[in-house]
Amino acid sequence: MTTTRNNGRYGSSRQHSSTPERSSLLRDDRPPSYSSVWDPEPTPIVSSRPRECCECARHESSTRKFVCFITAIVILVLPTIFLLPSIITAVKGSPGKSERPAPVVPSPPTTNPPPVAPSVAPPPPPPPEPPYRRAGLSGDDVPLPGSVYIISEANSSMALTYDGAEGVSMRGYQKGLMAQRWGCHESDGWLGFTIETGHNTLFLGYSPWPYPATLRCSARTLQYSEMFMVSKLPEHGFRLNMKDGTALKPVGRDRSGALAMVGTSDVWWRFTKV
């Protein structure tokens, strides 16, 4: 009985080499003795595995070198990047070499005169007081019935004065003079002015005849020719108008300079309550 091993190339080689020996052991058709040892020489096994392992080792070595290189770069570069601002700040803040201050050269004394402060112009003097103010007249009162007033012409200190012969004229104001105090009355919406002469109360009016209508004090009652209308001017003072029929005419000066009711006039008046 012949036993055959089939193990690839190795089995085939063994079967080929063991044929003579088996033939010698089986001579005379007797089984071999148990002391016989069959130990053929092993055939070297050739395999491609060692070459493959060498390539893997070289590849693994290259990978390790690359990983080590990257790790070294990371270890060296990253701290430098993080510490770079601090290093720059420290370098900037570090004191450099102290420089010697430049010597101070004293400037020569100047001969220029000291600066003169600009002169400030004094405020303009206040305007002088008008004459009626210096005379003690306010001139800003509104005539109302039941009160007594000094009637002055414009900004002057000349006051309307009763001269004692039914006539009137303009004279300088004298404080306390009764001939310059005029009481205000009212009738049917018209104003009338009387001279304060004690027993003889006379109303200021005009004479229709002869012409021009000069002012006088003769009537003892408020009649047609003694009616006045006082109108306030836009800036200051008042206009005295008298009733002439159905018209109003201002009180001014006639050609002779006497006080009269005239057609047109630029004379205006002030009232000071006393």
Protein backbone atom coordinates (compact mmCIF):
# COMPACT_ATOMS: atom_id res chain seq x y z
CA MET A 1 0.00 0.00 0.00
CA THR A 2 1.38 3.31 -1.05
CA THR A 3 0.62 6.56 0.81
CA THR A 4 0.78 9.80 -1.12
CA ARG A 5 0.90 13.31 0.33
CA ASN A 6 -0.37 16.07 -1.80
CA ASN A 7 0.62 19.41 -0.47
CA GLY A 8 1.24 21.54 -3.45
CA ARG A 9 4.75 21.72 -4.74
CA TYR A 10 6.18 20.35 -1.55
CA GLY A 11 4.07 17.12 -1.71
CA SER A 12 4.91 16.56 -5.31
CA SER A 13 8.62 16.83 -4.63
CA ARG A 14 8.43 14.47 -1.69
CA GLN A 15 6.49 11.88 -3.62
CA HIS A 16 9.06 11.89 -6.37
CA SER A 17 12.05 11.55 -4.05
CA SER A 18 10.65 8.85 -1.80
CA THR A 19 9.80 6.34 -4.47
CA PRO A 20 13.18 4.45 -4.57
CA GLU A 21 13.41 4.33 -0.80
CA ARG A 22 9.99 2.87 -0.49
CA SER A 23 10.79 0.41 -3.07
CA SER A 24 13.84 -0.71 -1.12
CA LEU A 25 11.94 -0.95 2.10
CA LEU A 26 9.27 -3.07 0.56
CA ARG A 27 11.53 -5.66 -0.88
CA ASP A 28 10.35 -9.16 -0.55
CA ASP A 29 6.95 -7.75 0.18
CA ARG A 30 7.82 -7.34 3.82
CA PRO A 31 6.80 -4.37 5.82
CA PRO A 32 9.53 -2.13 7.01
CA SER A 33 10.81 -2.23 10.53
CA TYR A 34 9.72 0.29 13.04
CA SER A 35 13.26 1.34 13.60
CA SER A 36 13.47 2.74 10.19
CA VAL A 37 13.06 6.47 10.28
CA TRP A 38 11.89 8.26 7.30
CA ASP A 39 13.21 11.75 7.52
CA PRO A 40 13.72 13.25 4.16
CA GLU A 41 15.65 16.52 3.86
CA PRO A 42 13.34 19.47 3.93
CA THR A 43 13.07 21.46 0.83
CA PRO A 44 13.55 25.19 1.35
CA ILE A 45 10.36 27.17 1.03
CA VAL A 46 10.55 30.18 -1.15
CA SER A 47 7.91 32.84 -0.43
CA SER A 48 7.32 36.48 -1.46
CA ARG A 49 6.23 37.55 2.07
CA PRO A 50 9.59 38.88 3.29
CA ARG A 51 9.72 41.34 0.36
CA GLU A 52 6.26 42.57 1.14
CA CYS A 53 7.17 43.11 4.82
CA CYS A 54 10.21 45.16 3.83
CA GLU A 55 8.09 47.48 1.71
CA CYS A 56 5.60 47.93 4.54
CA ALA A 57 8.43 48.73 6.93
CA ARG A 58 9.86 51.34 4.59
CA HIS A 59 6.43 52.91 4.14
CA GLU A 60 5.83 52.92 7.91
CA SER A 61 9.24 54.51 8.46
CA SER A 62 8.49 57.30 5.96
CA THR A 63 5.13 57.93 7.62
CA ARG A 64 6.76 58.13 11.04
CA LYS A 65 9.35 60.59 9.76
CA PHE A 66 6.66 62.79 8.20
CA VAL A 67 4.56 62.70 11.40
CA CYS A 68 7.63 63.59 13.47
CA PHE A 69 8.44 66.48 11.09
CA ILE A 70 4.90 67.86 11.30
CA THR A 71 4.89 67.47 15.08
CA ALA A 72 8.19 69.33 15.35
CA ILE A 73 6.87 72.15 13.18
CA VAL A 74 3.70 72.39 15.27
CA ILE A 75 5.68 72.38 18.52
CA LEU A 76 8.09 75.05 17.28
CA VAL A 77 5.79 77.28 15.23
CA LEU A 78 2.55 77.43 17.24
CA PRO A 79 4.12 78.75 20.48
CA THR A 80 6.00 81.31 18.41
CA ILE A 81 2.76 82.47 16.78
CA PHE A 82 0.98 82.74 20.13
CA LEU A 83 3.89 84.46 21.82
CA LEU A 84 4.72 86.79 18.94
CA PRO A 85 2.41 89.68 20.08
CA SER A 86 3.86 89.51 23.59
CA ILE A 87 7.37 89.53 22.20
CA ILE A 88 6.62 92.53 19.98
CA THR A 89 5.03 94.39 22.90
CA ALA A 90 7.97 93.63 25.12
CA VAL A 91 10.42 94.76 22.46
CA LYS A 92 8.51 97.99 21.90
CA GLY A 93 8.16 98.66 25.62
CA SER A 94 11.75 97.91 26.46
CA PRO A 95 13.66 101.10 27.16
CA GLY A 96 16.17 101.92 24.53
CA LYS A 97 19.36 103.65 24.98
CA SER A 98 18.87 106.82 26.94
CA GLU A 99 19.61 109.82 24.86
CA ARG A 100 21.21 112.81 26.37
CA PRO A 101 18.97 115.87 26.34
CA ALA A 102 20.07 118.59 24.03
CA PRO A 103 21.71 121.44 25.85
CA VAL A 104 19.41 124.38 26.44
CA VAL A 105 20.81 127.52 24.97
CA PRO A 106 19.52 130.58 26.79
CA SER A 107 17.85 133.01 24.47
CA PRO A 108 19.24 136.50 24.44
CA PRO A 109 17.18 139.06 26.34
CA THR A 110 14.63 140.76 24.18
CA THR A 111 14.43 144.49 24.02
CA ASN A 112 10.85 144.57 22.77
CA PRO A 113 8.41 146.48 24.98
CA PRO A 114 5.86 144.44 26.91
CA PRO A 115 2.58 143.77 25.10
CA VAL A 116 -0.05 146.38 25.62
CA ALA A 117 -3.56 145.24 26.30
CA PRO A 118 -6.04 146.48 23.72
CA SER A 119 -7.92 149.45 24.92
CA VAL A 120 -11.62 148.99 25.44
CA ALA A 121 -13.74 151.88 24.35
CA PRO A 122 -15.86 153.19 27.20
CA PRO A 123 -19.59 152.72 26.82
CA PRO A 124 -21.37 155.62 25.21
CA PRO A 125 -22.91 158.04 27.66
CA PRO A 126 -26.64 157.72 28.20
CA PRO A 127 -28.77 160.11 26.20
CA PRO A 128 -29.64 163.28 28.03
CA GLU A 129 -32.99 163.47 29.72
CA PRO A 130 -35.64 165.41 27.84
CA PRO A 131 -36.70 168.71 29.38
CA TYR A 132 -40.04 167.47 30.67
CA ARG A 133 -38.19 164.71 32.60
CA ARG A 134 -35.78 167.20 34.11
CA ALA A 135 -38.76 169.31 35.13
CA GLY A 136 -40.24 166.34 37.00
CA LEU A 137 -43.02 165.44 34.54
CA SER A 138 -43.65 161.82 33.54
CA GLY A 139 -45.81 162.64 30.51
CA ASP A 140 -47.02 159.04 30.10
CA ASP A 141 -50.44 159.15 31.81
CA VAL A 142 -53.74 158.62 30.01
CA PRO A 143 -56.36 161.32 30.79
CA LEU A 144 -59.37 159.88 32.62
CA PRO A 145 -62.41 161.71 34.04
CA GLY A 146 -62.10 162.68 37.71
CA SER A 147 -58.31 163.21 37.68
CA VAL A 148 -56.11 166.31 37.49
CA TYR A 149 -53.27 166.63 35.00
CA ILE A 150 -50.43 168.85 33.84
CA ILE A 151 -50.73 169.26 30.05
CA SER A 152 -47.30 169.79 28.46
CA GLU A 153 -46.27 170.24 24.84
CA ALA A 154 -44.30 167.35 23.30
CA ASN A 155 -40.92 166.77 25.00
CA SER A 156 -40.61 170.29 26.34
CA SER A 157 -41.21 171.52 29.89
CA MET A 158 -43.75 174.08 28.65
CA ALA A 159 -47.15 173.55 30.30
CA LEU A 160 -50.61 174.81 29.35
CA THR A 161 -51.29 177.78 31.67
CA TYR A 162 -54.34 179.91 32.36
CA ASP A 163 -53.28 183.59 32.29
CA GLY A 164 -56.28 184.96 34.31
CA ALA A 165 -58.00 186.96 31.49
CA GLU A 166 -59.81 184.05 29.85
CA GLY A 167 -56.75 183.41 27.78
CA VAL A 168 -54.30 180.48 27.83
CA SER A 169 -50.65 180.23 26.86
CA MET A 170 -47.59 177.95 27.20
CA ARG A 171 -45.22 178.65 30.11
CA GLY A 172 -42.49 176.78 31.92
CA TYR A 173 -43.75 174.22 34.38
CA GLN A 174 -43.85 175.34 38.00
CA LYS A 175 -44.65 172.72 40.56
CA GLY A 176 -47.76 173.54 42.60
CA LEU A 177 -48.99 176.35 40.31
CA MET A 178 -52.80 176.12 40.26
CA ALA A 179 -53.07 177.85 36.85
CA GLN A 180 -51.35 174.77 35.31
CA ARG A 181 -53.59 172.08 36.87
CA TRP A 182 -56.44 170.91 34.65
CA GLY A 183 -59.30 168.73 35.86
CA CYS A 184 -60.69 166.11 33.43
CA HIS A 185 -64.48 165.75 32.93
CA GLU A 186 -66.68 163.66 30.63
CA SER A 187 -70.04 164.26 28.92
CA ASP A 188 -71.65 162.06 26.24
CA GLY A 189 -68.31 160.45 25.51
CA TRP A 190 -66.51 163.76 25.11
CA LEU A 191 -63.80 165.02 27.46
CA GLY A 192 -63.63 168.52 28.93
CA PHE A 193 -60.85 170.27 30.89
CA THR A 194 -61.40 172.91 33.59
CA ILE A 195 -58.89 175.20 35.23
CA GLU A 196 -58.70 174.77 39.01
CA THR A 197 -59.16 178.41 40.09
CA GLY A 198 -61.24 177.89 43.22
CA HIS A 199 -64.60 179.63 43.01
CA ASN A 200 -64.50 180.22 39.24
CA THR A 201 -64.43 176.88 37.37
CA LEU A 202 -63.93 177.61 33.66
CA PHE A 203 -63.85 175.08 30.80
CA LEU A 204 -61.15 175.16 28.16
CA GLY A 205 -62.60 175.77 24.69
CA TYR A 206 -62.34 177.98 21.64
CA SER A 207 -64.11 181.06 20.29
CA PRO A 208 -65.88 180.38 16.98
CA TRP A 209 -65.74 184.06 16.13
CA PRO A 210 -63.65 185.80 15.05
CA TYR A 211 -61.53 183.42 13.05
CA PRO A 212 -59.11 181.74 13.85
CA ALA A 213 -60.58 179.73 16.70
CA THR A 214 -58.11 180.55 19.48
CA LEU A 215 -58.24 178.72 22.83
CA ARG A 216 -59.79 180.49 25.81
CA CYS A 217 -61.44 179.73 29.19
CA SER A 218 -64.85 181.41 29.38
CA ALA A 219 -67.59 178.77 29.56
CA ARG A 220 -68.80 177.55 32.93
CA THR A 221 -70.38 174.38 31.46
CA LEU A 222 -69.21 171.76 29.02
CA GLN A 223 -70.70 172.98 25.74
CA TYR A 224 -70.21 172.32 22.03
CA SER A 225 -66.95 174.31 21.68
CA GLU A 226 -65.41 172.80 24.86
CA MET A 227 -65.53 169.14 23.74
CA PHE A 228 -62.25 167.30 23.21
CA MET A 229 -61.27 163.89 21.91
CA VAL A 230 -57.83 162.59 22.94
CA SER A 231 -56.15 160.03 20.61
CA LYS A 232 -52.99 158.10 21.47
CA LEU A 233 -50.07 158.38 19.04
CA PRO A 234 -48.23 155.17 17.95
CA GLU A 235 -44.90 156.02 19.61
CA HIS A 236 -45.61 158.45 22.46
CA GLY A 237 -47.91 161.27 23.50
CA PHE A 238 -51.42 162.22 22.44
CA ARG A 239 -53.22 164.30 19.86
CA LEU A 240 -55.84 166.84 21.11
CA ASN A 241 -58.80 167.14 18.74
CA MET A 242 -61.80 169.46 19.10
CA LYS A 243 -65.30 169.14 17.69
CA ASP A 244 -65.99 171.44 14.78
CA GLY A 245 -69.47 170.71 13.45
CA THR A 246 -69.28 167.12 12.22
CA ALA A 247 -65.49 167.14 11.94
CA LEU A 248 -62.55 166.88 14.29
CA LYS A 249 -59.69 169.36 14.10
CA PRO A 250 -56.42 169.30 16.05
CA VAL A 251 -55.20 171.82 18.57
CA GLY A 252 -52.04 173.57 17.37
CA ARG A 253 -50.72 177.04 16.68
CA ASP A 254 -52.07 179.59 14.29
CA ARG A 255 -49.97 181.92 12.15
CA SER A 256 -49.32 184.24 15.07
CA GLY A 257 -48.14 181.34 17.28
CA ALA A 258 -51.19 181.38 19.54
CA LEU A 259 -52.89 178.18 20.60
CA ALA A 260 -55.95 177.50 18.43
CA MET A 261 -58.03 174.84 16.69
CA VAL A 262 -56.43 174.57 13.26
CA GLY A 263 -56.92 172.51 10.13
CA THR A 264 -53.65 170.55 10.38
CA SER A 265 -50.96 170.46 13.04
CA ASP A 266 -47.93 168.39 14.07
CA VAL A 267 -48.12 169.52 17.69
CA TRP A 268 -48.65 166.70 20.22
CA TRP A 269 -49.13 166.64 23.96
CA ARG A 270 -48.27 164.80 27.17
CA PHE A 271 -50.35 164.29 30.33
CA THR A 272 -48.85 163.99 33.81
CA LYS A 273 -51.24 163.06 36.59
CA VAL A 274 -50.91 165.07 39.82
